[in-house]
Amino acid sequence: MNGIYFINDRISIDGRTREESVSLQEQSIKNYLAEQNIQAVTLNPYQLKDYYSVPHALLYDLRKENTSFDYFIYYSLQAVEDFIYTYPAKWLILKSYFNEFIMIDKQNDLNQQQAI
């Protein structure tokens, strides 16, 4: 099983600093990958990190690679919601490259609408 993971480095989670939020997302996702035996895939050999932090870059690399993957892993809805609501068509295209989307932190506000 292979997957690509996304970390939003522009958000603050539960009052943490941005650096702490990135660390929380990365550690949680890496633990999940290890537990589930999911191999993280890096599409771009020039990519500095093992993860994507810019959805547009991920979409660009997916289009170039033109293949699908088992999993897209992200920490929480908060990590992807800005992209979902700002670029709904691109979100649908991005979703088409993956068999399953996995959200690590499933604590959601019951009043919050979800567009995933």
PDB file of N, CA and C in Angstrom:
ATOM      1  N   MET A   1       0.836  -1.183   0.000  1.00  0.00           N
ATOM      2  CA  MET A   1       0.000   0.000   0.000  1.00  0.00           C
ATOM      3  C   MET A   1       0.879   1.244   0.000  1.00  0.00           C
ATOM      4  N   ASN A   2       0.462   2.215  -0.813  1.00  0.00           N
ATOM      5  CA  ASN A   2       1.249   3.438  -0.886  1.00  0.00           C
ATOM      6  C   ASN A   2       0.336   4.645  -0.687  1.00  0.00           C
ATOM      7  N   GLY A   3       0.941   5.705  -0.256  1.00  0.00           N
ATOM      8  CA  GLY A   3       0.161   6.900  -0.002  1.00  0.00           C
ATOM      9  C   GLY A   3       1.011   8.146  -0.030  1.00  0.00           C
ATOM     10  N   ILE A   4       0.330   9.244  -0.132  1.00  0.00           N
ATOM     11  CA  ILE A   4       0.961  10.565  -0.101  1.00  0.00           C
ATOM     12  C   ILE A   4       0.323  11.317   1.048  1.00  0.00           C
ATOM     13  N   TYR A   5       1.153  12.009   1.824  1.00  0.00           N
ATOM     14  CA  TYR A   5       0.558  12.756   2.931  1.00  0.00           C
ATOM     15  C   TYR A   5       0.780  14.250   2.799  1.00  0.00           C
ATOM     16  N   PHE A   6      -0.181  14.966   3.343  1.00  0.00           N
ATOM     17  CA  PHE A   6      -0.233  16.416   3.247  1.00  0.00           C
ATOM     18  C   PHE A   6      -0.191  17.019   4.641  1.00  0.00           C
ATOM     19  N   ILE A   7       0.644  18.030   4.800  1.00  0.00           N
ATOM     20  CA  ILE A   7       0.735  18.771   6.064  1.00  0.00           C
ATOM     21  C   ILE A   7       0.566  20.253   5.752  1.00  0.00           C
ATOM     22  N   ASN A   8      -0.359  20.876   6.452  1.00  0.00           N
ATOM     23  CA  ASN A   8      -0.585  22.300   6.269  1.00  0.00           C
ATOM     24  C   ASN A   8       0.326  23.048   7.235  1.00  0.00           C
ATOM     25  N   ASP A   9       1.324  23.720   6.682  1.00  0.00           N
ATOM     26  CA  ASP A   9       2.277  24.438   7.524  1.00  0.00           C
ATOM     27  C   ASP A   9       1.861  25.893   7.784  1.00  0.00           C
ATOM     28  N   ARG A  10       0.636  26.239   7.416  1.00  0.00           N
ATOM     29  CA  ARG A  10       0.161  27.611   7.597  1.00  0.00           C
ATOM     30  C   ARG A  10      -0.943  27.728   8.648  1.00  0.00           C
ATOM     31  N   ILE A  11      -1.235  26.627   9.354  1.00  0.00           N
ATOM     32  CA  ILE A  11      -2.310  26.684  10.350  1.00  0.00           C
ATOM     33  C   ILE A  11      -1.763  26.501  11.758  1.00  0.00           C
ATOM     34  N   SER A  12      -2.557  26.937  12.712  1.00  0.00           N
ATOM     35  CA  SER A  12      -2.257  26.729  14.117  1.00  0.00           C
ATOM     36  C   SER A  12      -3.340  25.800  14.670  1.00  0.00           C
ATOM     37  N   ILE A  13      -2.944  24.684  15.233  1.00  0.00           N
ATOM     38  CA  ILE A  13      -3.891  23.693  15.751  1.00  0.00           C
ATOM     39  C   ILE A  13      -3.996  23.827  17.265  1.00  0.00           C
ATOM     40  N   ASP A  14      -5.199  24.049  17.748  1.00  0.00           N
ATOM     41  CA  ASP A  14      -5.484  24.132  19.181  1.00  0.00           C
ATOM     42  C   ASP A  14      -4.567  25.106  19.919  1.00  0.00           C
ATOM     43  N   GLY A  15      -4.302  26.242  19.327  1.00  0.00           N
ATOM     44  CA  GLY A  15      -3.509  27.270  19.991  1.00  0.00           C
ATOM     45  C   GLY A  15      -1.995  27.048  19.953  1.00  0.00           C
ATOM     46  N   ARG A  16      -1.549  26.018  19.282  1.00  0.00           N
ATOM     47  CA  ARG A  16      -0.109  25.766  19.173  1.00  0.00           C
ATOM     48  C   ARG A  16       0.516  26.744  18.174  1.00  0.00           C
ATOM     49  N   THR A  17       1.830  26.893  18.247  1.00  0.00           N
ATOM     50  CA  THR A  17       2.532  27.684  17.243  1.00  0.00           C
ATOM     51  C   THR A  17       2.502  26.914  15.928  1.00  0.00           C
ATOM     52  N   ARG A  18       2.842  27.570  14.858  1.00  0.00           N
ATOM     53  CA  ARG A  18       2.855  26.896  13.555  1.00  0.00           C
ATOM     54  C   ARG A  18       3.862  25.747  13.537  1.00  0.00           C
ATOM     55  N   GLU A  19       5.014  25.971  14.149  1.00  0.00           N
ATOM     56  CA  GLU A  19       6.041  24.920  14.189  1.00  0.00           C
ATOM     57  C   GLU A  19       5.548  23.706  14.968  1.00  0.00           C
ATOM     58  N   GLU A  20       4.898  23.960  16.102  1.00  0.00           N
ATOM     59  CA  GLU A  20       4.344  22.864  16.898  1.00  0.00           C
ATOM     60  C   GLU A  20       3.225  22.154  16.148  1.00  0.00           C
ATOM     61  N   SER A  21       2.436  22.909  15.401  1.00  0.00           N
ATOM     62  CA  SER A  21       1.342  22.328  14.626  1.00  0.00           C
ATOM     63  C   SER A  21       1.877  21.423  13.510  1.00  0.00           C
ATOM     64  N   VAL A  22       2.930  21.864  12.851  1.00  0.00           N
ATOM     65  CA  VAL A  22       3.548  21.034  11.806  1.00  0.00           C
ATOM     66  C   VAL A  22       4.107  19.763  12.427  1.00  0.00           C
ATOM     67  N   SER A  23       4.767  19.900  13.550  1.00  0.00           N
ATOM     68  CA  SER A  23       5.342  18.748  14.232  1.00  0.00           C
ATOM     69  C   SER A  23       4.254  17.759  14.661  1.00  0.00           C
ATOM     70  N   LEU A  24       3.150  18.274  15.201  1.00  0.00           N
ATOM     71  CA  LEU A  24       2.035  17.424  15.602  1.00  0.00           C
ATOM     72  C   LEU A  24       1.465  16.666  14.404  1.00  0.00           C
ATOM     73  N   GLN A  25       1.239  17.373  13.306  1.00  0.00           N
ATOM     74  CA  GLN A  25       0.705  16.736  12.109  1.00  0.00           C
ATOM     75  C   GLN A  25       1.659  15.657  11.588  1.00  0.00           C
ATOM     76  N   GLU A  26       2.931  16.020  11.485  1.00  0.00           N
ATOM     77  CA  GLU A  26       3.919  15.096  10.935  1.00  0.00           C
ATOM     78  C   GLU A  26       4.069  13.850  11.798  1.00  0.00           C
ATOM     79  N   GLN A  27       4.166  14.016  13.102  1.00  0.00           N
ATOM     80  CA  GLN A  27       4.349  12.878  14.003  1.00  0.00           C
ATOM     81  C   GLN A  27       3.123  11.971  13.990  1.00  0.00           C
ATOM     82  N   SER A  28       1.941  12.558  14.024  1.00  0.00           N
ATOM     83  CA  SER A  28       0.708  11.770  14.007  1.00  0.00           C
ATOM     84  C   SER A  28       0.575  10.970  12.720  1.00  0.00           C
ATOM     85  N   ILE A  29       0.877  11.604  11.606  1.00  0.00           N
ATOM     86  CA  ILE A  29       0.766  10.920  10.312  1.00  0.00           C
ATOM     87  C   ILE A  29       1.824   9.836  10.184  1.00  0.00           C
ATOM     88  N   LYS A  30       3.061  10.130  10.592  1.00  0.00           N
ATOM     89  CA  LYS A  30       4.122   9.114  10.499  1.00  0.00           C
ATOM     90  C   LYS A  30       3.812   7.905  11.375  1.00  0.00           C
ATOM     91  N   ASN A  31       3.261   8.133  12.559  1.00  0.00           N
ATOM     92  CA  ASN A  31       2.863   7.016  13.423  1.00  0.00           C
ATOM     93  C   ASN A  31       1.799   6.165  12.738  1.00  0.00           C
ATOM     94  N   TYR A  32       0.834   6.811  12.123  1.00  0.00           N
ATOM     95  CA  TYR A  32      -0.235   6.087  11.424  1.00  0.00           C
ATOM     96  C   TYR A  32       0.332   5.280  10.257  1.00  0.00           C
ATOM     97  N   LEU A  33       1.222   5.887   9.492  1.00  0.00           N
ATOM     98  CA  LEU A  33       1.835   5.192   8.353  1.00  0.00           C
ATOM     99  C   LEU A  33       2.568   3.935   8.820  1.00  0.00           C
ATOM    100  N   ALA A  34       3.293   4.052   9.916  1.00  0.00           N
ATOM    101  CA  ALA A  34       4.035   2.910  10.445  1.00  0.00           C
ATOM    102  C   ALA A  34       3.092   1.814  10.944  1.00  0.00           C
ATOM    103  N   GLU A  35       2.042   2.209  11.663  1.00  0.00           N
ATOM    104  CA  GLU A  35       1.085   1.236  12.195  1.00  0.00           C
ATOM    105  C   GLU A  35       0.353   0.484  11.094  1.00  0.00           C
ATOM    106  N   GLN A  36       0.053   1.178  10.011  1.00  0.00           N
ATOM    107  CA  GLN A  36      -0.748   0.586   8.937  1.00  0.00           C
ATOM    108  C   GLN A  36       0.098   0.039   7.778  1.00  0.00           C
ATOM    109  N   ASN A  37       1.417   0.095   7.911  1.00  0.00           N
ATOM    110  CA  ASN A  37       2.322  -0.364   6.847  1.00  0.00           C
ATOM    111  C   ASN A  37       2.047   0.315   5.509  1.00  0.00           C
ATOM    112  N   ILE A  38       1.907   1.610   5.551  1.00  0.00           N
ATOM    113  CA  ILE A  38       1.700   2.394   4.337  1.00  0.00           C
ATOM    114  C   ILE A  38       3.020   3.053   3.970  1.00  0.00           C
ATOM    115  N   GLN A  39       3.424   2.873   2.741  1.00  0.00           N
ATOM    116  CA  GLN A  39       4.678   3.442   2.243  1.00  0.00           C
ATOM    117  C   GLN A  39       4.400   4.844   1.696  1.00  0.00           C
ATOM    118  N   ALA A  40       5.075   5.850   2.254  1.00  0.00           N
ATOM    119  CA  ALA A  40       4.925   7.220   1.763  1.00  0.00           C
ATOM    120  C   ALA A  40       5.663   7.358   0.441  1.00  0.00           C
ATOM    121  N   VAL A  41       4.994   7.950  -0.524  1.00  0.00           N
ATOM    122  CA  VAL A  41       5.547   8.117  -1.866  1.00  0.00           C
ATOM    123  C   VAL A  41       5.933   9.575  -2.067  1.00  0.00           C
ATOM    124  N   THR A  42       7.088   9.792  -2.669  1.00  0.00           N
ATOM    125  CA  THR A  42       7.528  11.129  -3.045  1.00  0.00           C
ATOM    126  C   THR A  42       7.587  11.176  -4.565  1.00  0.00           C
ATOM    127  N   LEU A  43       6.772  12.010  -5.174  1.00  0.00           N
ATOM    128  CA  LEU A  43       6.701  12.067  -6.630  1.00  0.00           C
ATOM    129  C   LEU A  43       7.811  12.911  -7.241  1.00  0.00           C
ATOM    130  N   ASN A  44       8.163  13.969  -6.562  1.00  0.00           N
ATOM    131  CA  ASN A  44       9.141  14.906  -7.094  1.00  0.00           C
ATOM    132  C   ASN A  44      10.501  14.656  -6.440  1.00  0.00           C
ATOM    133  N   PRO A  45      11.509  14.254  -7.216  1.00  0.00           N
ATOM    134  CA  PRO A  45      12.820  13.975  -6.626  1.00  0.00           C
ATOM    135  C   PRO A  45      13.498  15.218  -6.037  1.00  0.00           C
ATOM    136  N   TYR A  46      13.033  16.396  -6.403  1.00  0.00           N
ATOM    137  CA  TYR A  46      13.603  17.642  -5.891  1.00  0.00           C
ATOM    138  C   TYR A  46      12.852  18.171  -4.668  1.00  0.00           C
ATOM    139  N   GLN A  47      11.858  17.444  -4.233  1.00  0.00           N
ATOM    140  CA  GLN A  47      11.061  17.820  -3.077  1.00  0.00           C
ATOM    141  C   GLN A  47      11.933  17.789  -1.821  1.00  0.00           C
ATOM    142  N   LEU A  48      11.854  18.812  -1.012  1.00  0.00           N
ATOM    143  CA  LEU A  48      12.701  18.912   0.176  1.00  0.00           C
ATOM    144  C   LEU A  48      12.222  18.045   1.336  1.00  0.00           C
ATOM    145  N   LYS A  49      10.921  17.829   1.420  1.00  0.00           N
ATOM    146  CA  LYS A  49      10.366  17.054   2.533  1.00  0.00           C
ATOM    147  C   LYS A  49       9.655  15.824   1.996  1.00  0.00           C
ATOM    148  N   ASP A  50       9.317  14.904   2.892  1.00  0.00           N
ATOM    149  CA  ASP A  50       8.610  13.688   2.506  1.00  0.00           C
ATOM    150  C   ASP A  50       7.136  13.934   2.246  1.00  0.00           C
ATOM    151  N   TYR A  51       6.651  15.083   2.598  1.00  0.00           N
ATOM    152  CA  TYR A  51       5.238  15.384   2.480  1.00  0.00           C
ATOM    153  C   TYR A  51       5.009  16.601   1.587  1.00  0.00           C
ATOM    154  N   TYR A  52       3.757  16.768   1.206  1.00  0.00           N
ATOM    155  CA  TYR A  52       3.356  17.955   0.458  1.00  0.00           C
ATOM    156  C   TYR A  52       2.734  18.961   1.415  1.00  0.00           C
ATOM    157  N   SER A  53       3.013  20.232   1.174  1.00  0.00           N
ATOM    158  CA  SER A  53       2.398  21.288   1.967  1.00  0.00           C
ATOM    159  C   SER A  53       1.656  22.282   1.072  1.00  0.00           C
ATOM    160  N   VAL A  54       1.739  22.069  -0.237  1.00  0.00           N
ATOM    161  CA  VAL A  54       1.048  22.923  -1.205  1.00  0.00           C
ATOM    162  C   VAL A  54       0.199  22.018  -2.103  1.00  0.00           C
ATOM    163  N   PRO A  55      -1.121  22.068  -1.959  1.00  0.00           N
ATOM    164  CA  PRO A  55      -1.980  21.188  -2.760  1.00  0.00           C
ATOM    165  C   PRO A  55      -1.811  21.373  -4.268  1.00  0.00           C
ATOM    166  N   HIS A  56      -1.542  22.607  -4.699  1.00  0.00           N
ATOM    167  CA  HIS A  56      -1.347  22.855  -6.135  1.00  0.00           C
ATOM    168  C   HIS A  56      -0.116  22.112  -6.653  1.00  0.00           C
ATOM    169  N   ALA A  57       0.944  22.075  -5.857  1.00  0.00           N
ATOM    170  CA  ALA A  57       2.153  21.347  -6.250  1.00  0.00           C
ATOM    171  C   ALA A  57       1.877  19.850  -6.323  1.00  0.00           C
ATOM    172  N   LEU A  58       1.116  19.345  -5.368  1.00  0.00           N
ATOM    173  CA  LEU A  58       0.742  17.933  -5.382  1.00  0.00           C
ATOM    174  C   LEU A  58      -0.061  17.615  -6.633  1.00  0.00           C
ATOM    175  N   LEU A  59      -1.021  18.433  -6.944  1.00  0.00           N
ATOM    176  CA  LEU A  59      -1.846  18.209  -8.129  1.00  0.00           C
ATOM    177  C   LEU A  59      -1.000  18.249  -9.395  1.00  0.00           C
ATOM    178  N   TYR A  60      -0.074  19.174  -9.471  1.00  0.00           N
ATOM    179  CA  TYR A  60       0.835  19.270 -10.618  1.00  0.00           C
ATOM    180  C   TYR A  60       1.647  17.981 -10.766  1.00  0.00           C
ATOM    181  N   ASP A  61       2.222  17.503  -9.667  1.00  0.00           N
ATOM    182  CA  ASP A  61       3.032  16.283  -9.716  1.00  0.00           C
ATOM    183  C   ASP A  61       2.189  15.050 -10.044  1.00  0.00           C
ATOM    184  N   LEU A  62       0.962  15.001  -9.532  1.00  0.00           N
ATOM    185  CA  LEU A  62       0.072  13.884  -9.843  1.00  0.00           C
ATOM    186  C   LEU A  62      -0.273  13.861 -11.323  1.00  0.00           C
ATOM    187  N   ARG A  63      -0.520  15.008 -11.889  1.00  0.00           N
ATOM    188  CA  ARG A  63      -0.824  15.084 -13.326  1.00  0.00           C
ATOM    189  C   ARG A  63       0.369  14.631 -14.163  1.00  0.00           C
ATOM    190  N   LYS A  64       1.573  15.036 -13.751  1.00  0.00           N
ATOM    191  CA  LYS A  64       2.780  14.611 -14.469  1.00  0.00           C
ATOM    192  C   LYS A  64       2.978  13.106 -14.372  1.00  0.00           C
ATOM    193  N   GLU A  65       2.762  12.554 -13.200  1.00  0.00           N
ATOM    194  CA  GLU A  65       2.966  11.120 -12.948  1.00  0.00           C
ATOM    195  C   GLU A  65       1.860  10.281 -13.590  1.00  0.00           C
ATOM    196  N   ASN A  66       0.657  10.822 -13.600  1.00  0.00           N
ATOM    197  CA  ASN A  66      -0.516  10.181 -14.206  1.00  0.00           C
ATOM    198  C   ASN A  66      -0.740   8.748 -13.713  1.00  0.00           C
ATOM    199  N   THR A  67      -0.740   8.575 -12.417  1.00  0.00           N
ATOM    200  CA  THR A  67      -1.028   7.286 -11.800  1.00  0.00           C
ATOM    201  C   THR A  67      -1.850   7.526 -10.542  1.00  0.00           C
ATOM    202  N   SER A  68      -2.481   6.491 -10.042  1.00  0.00           N
ATOM    203  CA  SER A  68      -3.273   6.657  -8.821  1.00  0.00           C
ATOM    204  C   SER A  68      -2.560   5.996  -7.643  1.00  0.00           C
ATOM    205  N   PHE A  69      -2.977   6.386  -6.456  1.00  0.00           N
ATOM    206  CA  PHE A  69      -2.369   5.892  -5.235  1.00  0.00           C
ATOM    207  C   PHE A  69      -3.451   5.381  -4.296  1.00  0.00           C
ATOM    208  N   ASP A  70      -3.043   4.564  -3.350  1.00  0.00           N
ATOM    209  CA  ASP A  70      -4.006   3.994  -2.416  1.00  0.00           C
ATOM    210  C   ASP A  70      -4.583   5.045  -1.469  1.00  0.00           C
ATOM    211  N   TYR A  71      -3.708   5.860  -0.874  1.00  0.00           N
ATOM    212  CA  TYR A  71      -4.162   6.740   0.203  1.00  0.00           C
ATOM    213  C   TYR A  71      -3.643   8.164   0.076  1.00  0.00           C
ATOM    214  N   PHE A  72      -4.501   9.092   0.469  1.00  0.00           N
ATOM    215  CA  PHE A  72      -4.118  10.477   0.713  1.00  0.00           C
ATOM    216  C   PHE A  72      -4.357  10.682   2.201  1.00  0.00           C
ATOM    217  N   ILE A  73      -3.306  10.991   2.934  1.00  0.00           N
ATOM    218  CA  ILE A  73      -3.397  11.090   4.384  1.00  0.00           C
ATOM    219  C   ILE A  73      -3.179  12.546   4.794  1.00  0.00           C
ATOM    220  N   TYR A  74      -4.056  13.041   5.661  1.00  0.00           N
ATOM    221  CA  TYR A  74      -3.934  14.395   6.177  1.00  0.00           C
ATOM    222  C   TYR A  74      -4.375  14.391   7.635  1.00  0.00           C
ATOM    223  N   TYR A  75      -3.991  15.408   8.366  1.00  0.00           N
ATOM    224  CA  TYR A  75      -4.222  15.409   9.806  1.00  0.00           C
ATOM    225  C   TYR A  75      -5.678  15.663  10.172  1.00  0.00           C
ATOM    226  N   SER A  76      -6.255  16.733   9.658  1.00  0.00           N
ATOM    227  CA  SER A  76      -7.619  17.098  10.044  1.00  0.00           C
ATOM    228  C   SER A  76      -8.280  17.877   8.924  1.00  0.00           C
ATOM    229  N   LEU A  77      -9.572  18.061   9.057  1.00  0.00           N
ATOM    230  CA  LEU A  77     -10.302  18.856   8.083  1.00  0.00           C
ATOM    231  C   LEU A  77      -9.733  20.268   8.015  1.00  0.00           C
ATOM    232  N   GLN A  78      -9.319  20.784   9.148  1.00  0.00           N
ATOM    233  CA  GLN A  78      -8.736  22.129   9.206  1.00  0.00           C
ATOM    234  C   GLN A  78      -7.532  22.249   8.263  1.00  0.00           C
ATOM    235  N   ALA A  79      -6.802  21.160   8.076  1.00  0.00           N
ATOM    236  CA  ALA A  79      -5.605  21.182   7.238  1.00  0.00           C
ATOM    237  C   ALA A  79      -5.929  21.343   5.753  1.00  0.00           C
ATOM    238  N   VAL A  80      -7.102  20.888   5.328  1.00  0.00           N
ATOM    239  CA  VAL A  80      -7.429  20.921   3.902  1.00  0.00           C
ATOM    240  C   VAL A  80      -8.628  21.798   3.551  1.00  0.00           C
ATOM    241  N   GLU A  81      -9.370  22.270   4.543  1.00  0.00           N
ATOM    242  CA  GLU A  81     -10.630  22.947   4.246  1.00  0.00           C
ATOM    243  C   GLU A  81     -10.470  24.222   3.430  1.00  0.00           C
ATOM    244  N   ASP A  82      -9.416  24.982   3.637  1.00  0.00           N
ATOM    245  CA  ASP A  82      -9.220  26.209   2.863  1.00  0.00           C
ATOM    246  C   ASP A  82      -9.114  25.875   1.372  1.00  0.00           C
ATOM    247  N   PHE A  83      -8.350  24.843   1.045  1.00  0.00           N
ATOM    248  CA  PHE A  83      -8.206  24.434  -0.356  1.00  0.00           C
ATOM    249  C   PHE A  83      -9.535  23.916  -0.900  1.00  0.00           C
ATOM    250  N   ILE A  84     -10.255  23.136  -0.108  1.00  0.00           N
ATOM    251  CA  ILE A  84     -11.533  22.562  -0.539  1.00  0.00           C
ATOM    252  C   ILE A  84     -12.518  23.665  -0.920  1.00  0.00           C
ATOM    253  N   TYR A  85     -12.658  24.661  -0.078  1.00  0.00           N
ATOM    254  CA  TYR A  85     -13.653  25.698  -0.308  1.00  0.00           C
ATOM    255  C   TYR A  85     -13.210  26.736  -1.336  1.00  0.00           C
ATOM    256  N   THR A  86     -11.904  26.944  -1.455  1.00  0.00           N
ATOM    257  CA  THR A  86     -11.406  27.930  -2.404  1.00  0.00           C
ATOM    258  C   THR A  86     -11.317  27.356  -3.815  1.00  0.00           C
ATOM    259  N   TYR A  87     -10.954  26.074  -3.922  1.00  0.00           N
ATOM    260  CA  TYR A  87     -10.773  25.431  -5.223  1.00  0.00           C
ATOM    261  C   TYR A  87     -11.532  24.097  -5.282  1.00  0.00           C
ATOM    262  N   PRO A  88     -12.853  24.124  -5.248  1.00  0.00           N
ATOM    263  CA  PRO A  88     -13.603  22.861  -5.204  1.00  0.00           C
ATOM    264  C   PRO A  88     -13.363  21.957  -6.419  1.00  0.00           C
ATOM    265  N   ALA A  89     -13.222  22.529  -7.597  1.00  0.00           N
ATOM    266  CA  ALA A  89     -12.985  21.706  -8.788  1.00  0.00           C
ATOM    267  C   ALA A  89     -11.614  21.020  -8.708  1.00  0.00           C
ATOM    268  N   LYS A  90     -10.609  21.747  -8.258  1.00  0.00           N
ATOM    269  CA  LYS A  90      -9.270  21.152  -8.123  1.00  0.00           C
ATOM    270  C   LYS A  90      -9.266  20.080  -7.040  1.00  0.00           C
ATOM    271  N   TRP A  91     -10.062  20.276  -5.986  1.00  0.00           N
ATOM    272  CA  TRP A  91     -10.165  19.266  -4.935  1.00  0.00           C
ATOM    273  C   TRP A  91     -10.733  17.967  -5.507  1.00  0.00           C
ATOM    274  N   LEU A  92     -11.742  18.081  -6.337  1.00  0.00           N
ATOM    275  CA  LEU A  92     -12.327  16.887  -6.956  1.00  0.00           C
ATOM    276  C   LEU A  92     -11.329  16.189  -7.877  1.00  0.00           C
ATOM    277  N   ILE A  93     -10.562  16.956  -8.606  1.00  0.00           N
ATOM    278  CA  ILE A  93      -9.529  16.368  -9.471  1.00  0.00           C
ATOM    279  C   ILE A  93      -8.478  15.666  -8.609  1.00  0.00           C
ATOM    280  N   LEU A  94      -8.051  16.316  -7.541  1.00  0.00           N
ATOM    281  CA  LEU A  94      -7.064  15.726  -6.639  1.00  0.00           C
ATOM    282  C   LEU A  94      -7.591  14.417  -6.057  1.00  0.00           C
ATOM    283  N   LYS A  95      -8.854  14.417  -5.657  1.00  0.00           N
ATOM    284  CA  LYS A  95      -9.462  13.208  -5.087  1.00  0.00           C
ATOM    285  C   LYS A  95      -9.464  12.048  -6.074  1.00  0.00           C
ATOM    286  N   SER A  96      -9.535  12.340  -7.340  1.00  0.00           N
ATOM    287  CA  SER A  96      -9.619  11.275  -8.345  1.00  0.00           C
ATOM    288  C   SER A  96      -8.337  10.448  -8.447  1.00  0.00           C
ATOM    289  N   TYR A  97      -7.241  10.934  -7.904  1.00  0.00           N
ATOM    290  CA  TYR A  97      -5.967  10.213  -7.965  1.00  0.00           C
ATOM    291  C   TYR A  97      -5.779   9.233  -6.811  1.00  0.00           C
ATOM    292  N   PHE A  98      -6.725   9.198  -5.861  1.00  0.00           N
ATOM    293  CA  PHE A  98      -6.574   8.362  -4.677  1.00  0.00           C
ATOM    294  C   PHE A  98      -7.780   7.455  -4.483  1.00  0.00           C
ATOM    295  N   ASN A  99      -7.520   6.252  -3.974  1.00  0.00           N
ATOM    296  CA  ASN A  99      -8.602   5.313  -3.684  1.00  0.00           C
ATOM    297  C   ASN A  99      -9.313   5.656  -2.378  1.00  0.00           C
ATOM    298  N   GLU A 100      -8.551   6.188  -1.422  1.00  0.00           N
ATOM    299  CA  GLU A 100      -9.136   6.471  -0.111  1.00  0.00           C
ATOM    300  C   GLU A 100      -8.451   7.673   0.529  1.00  0.00           C
ATOM    301  N   PHE A 101      -9.244   8.458   1.263  1.00  0.00           N
ATOM    302  CA  PHE A 101      -8.718   9.600   2.001  1.00  0.00           C
ATOM    303  C   PHE A 101      -8.779   9.272   3.481  1.00  0.00           C
ATOM    304  N   ILE A 102      -7.671   9.506   4.188  1.00  0.00           N
ATOM    305  CA  ILE A 102      -7.603   9.179   5.607  1.00  0.00           C
ATOM    306  C   ILE A 102      -7.315  10.450   6.394  1.00  0.00           C
ATOM    307  N   MET A 103      -8.222  10.749   7.320  1.00  0.00           N
ATOM    308  CA  MET A 103      -8.042  11.881   8.218  1.00  0.00           C
ATOM    309  C   MET A 103      -7.608  11.321   9.572  1.00  0.00           C
ATOM    310  N   ILE A 104      -6.482  11.773  10.090  1.00  0.00           N
ATOM    311  CA  ILE A 104      -5.920  11.247  11.330  1.00  0.00           C
ATOM    312  C   ILE A 104      -6.712  11.714  12.550  1.00  0.00           C
ATOM    313  N   ASP A 105      -6.943  12.995  12.676  1.00  0.00           N
ATOM    314  CA  ASP A 105      -7.670  13.547  13.817  1.00  0.00           C
ATOM    315  C   ASP A 105      -9.141  13.646  13.446  1.00  0.00           C
ATOM    316  N   LYS A 106      -9.946  12.747  13.986  1.00  0.00           N
ATOM    317  CA  LYS A 106     -11.354  12.679  13.596  1.00  0.00           C
ATOM    318  C   LYS A 106     -12.275  13.430  14.553  1.00  0.00           C
ATOM    319  N   GLN A 107     -11.732  14.258  15.424  1.00  0.00           N
ATOM    320  CA  GLN A 107     -12.561  15.041  16.344  1.00  0.00           C
ATOM    321  C   GLN A 107     -13.134  16.225  15.582  1.00  0.00           C
ATOM    322  N   ASN A 108     -14.386  16.123  15.232  1.00  0.00           N
ATOM    323  CA  ASN A 108     -15.032  17.183  14.462  1.00  0.00           C
ATOM    324  C   ASN A 108     -16.134  17.834  15.267  1.00  0.00           C
ATOM    325  N   ASP A 109     -16.332  19.091  15.019  1.00  0.00           N
ATOM    326  CA  ASP A 109     -17.456  19.802  15.590  1.00  0.00           C
ATOM    327  C   ASP A 109     -18.716  19.279  14.894  1.00  0.00           C
ATOM    328  N   LEU A 110     -19.703  18.878  15.666  1.00  0.00           N
ATOM    329  CA  LEU A 110     -20.920  18.297  15.084  1.00  0.00           C
ATOM    330  C   LEU A 110     -21.693  19.315  14.241  1.00  0.00           C
ATOM    331  N   ASN A 111     -21.490  20.586  14.489  1.00  0.00           N
ATOM    332  CA  ASN A 111     -22.192  21.625  13.727  1.00  0.00           C
ATOM    333  C   ASN A 111     -21.461  21.994  12.446  1.00  0.00           C
ATOM    334  N   GLN A 112     -20.282  21.475  12.252  1.00  0.00           N
ATOM    335  CA  GLN A 112     -19.457  21.857  11.118  1.00  0.00           C
ATOM    336  C   GLN A 112     -19.832  21.037   9.890  1.00  0.00           C
ATOM    337  N   GLN A 113     -20.031  21.714   8.769  1.00  0.00           N
ATOM    338  CA  GLN A 113     -20.315  21.018   7.528  1.00  0.00           C
ATOM    339  C   GLN A 113     -19.024  20.479   6.943  1.00  0.00           C
ATOM    340  N   GLN A 114     -19.108  19.326   6.304  1.00  0.00           N
ATOM    341  CA  GLN A 114     -17.937  18.729   5.682  1.00  0.00           C
ATOM    342  C   GLN A 114     -18.155  18.582   4.197  1.00  0.00           C
ATOM    343  N   ALA A 115     -17.143  18.935   3.434  1.00  0.00           N
ATOM    344  CA  ALA A 115     -17.263  18.872   1.977  1.00  0.00           C
ATOM    345  C   ALA A 115     -16.405  17.768   1.383  1.00  0.00           C
ATOM    346  N   ILE A 116     -15.944  16.855   2.183  1.00  0.00           N
ATOM    347  CA  ILE A 116     -15.053  15.822   1.674  1.00  0.00           C
ATOM    348  C   ILE A 116     -15.818  14.685   1.118  1.00  0.00           C
TER     349      ILE A 116
END
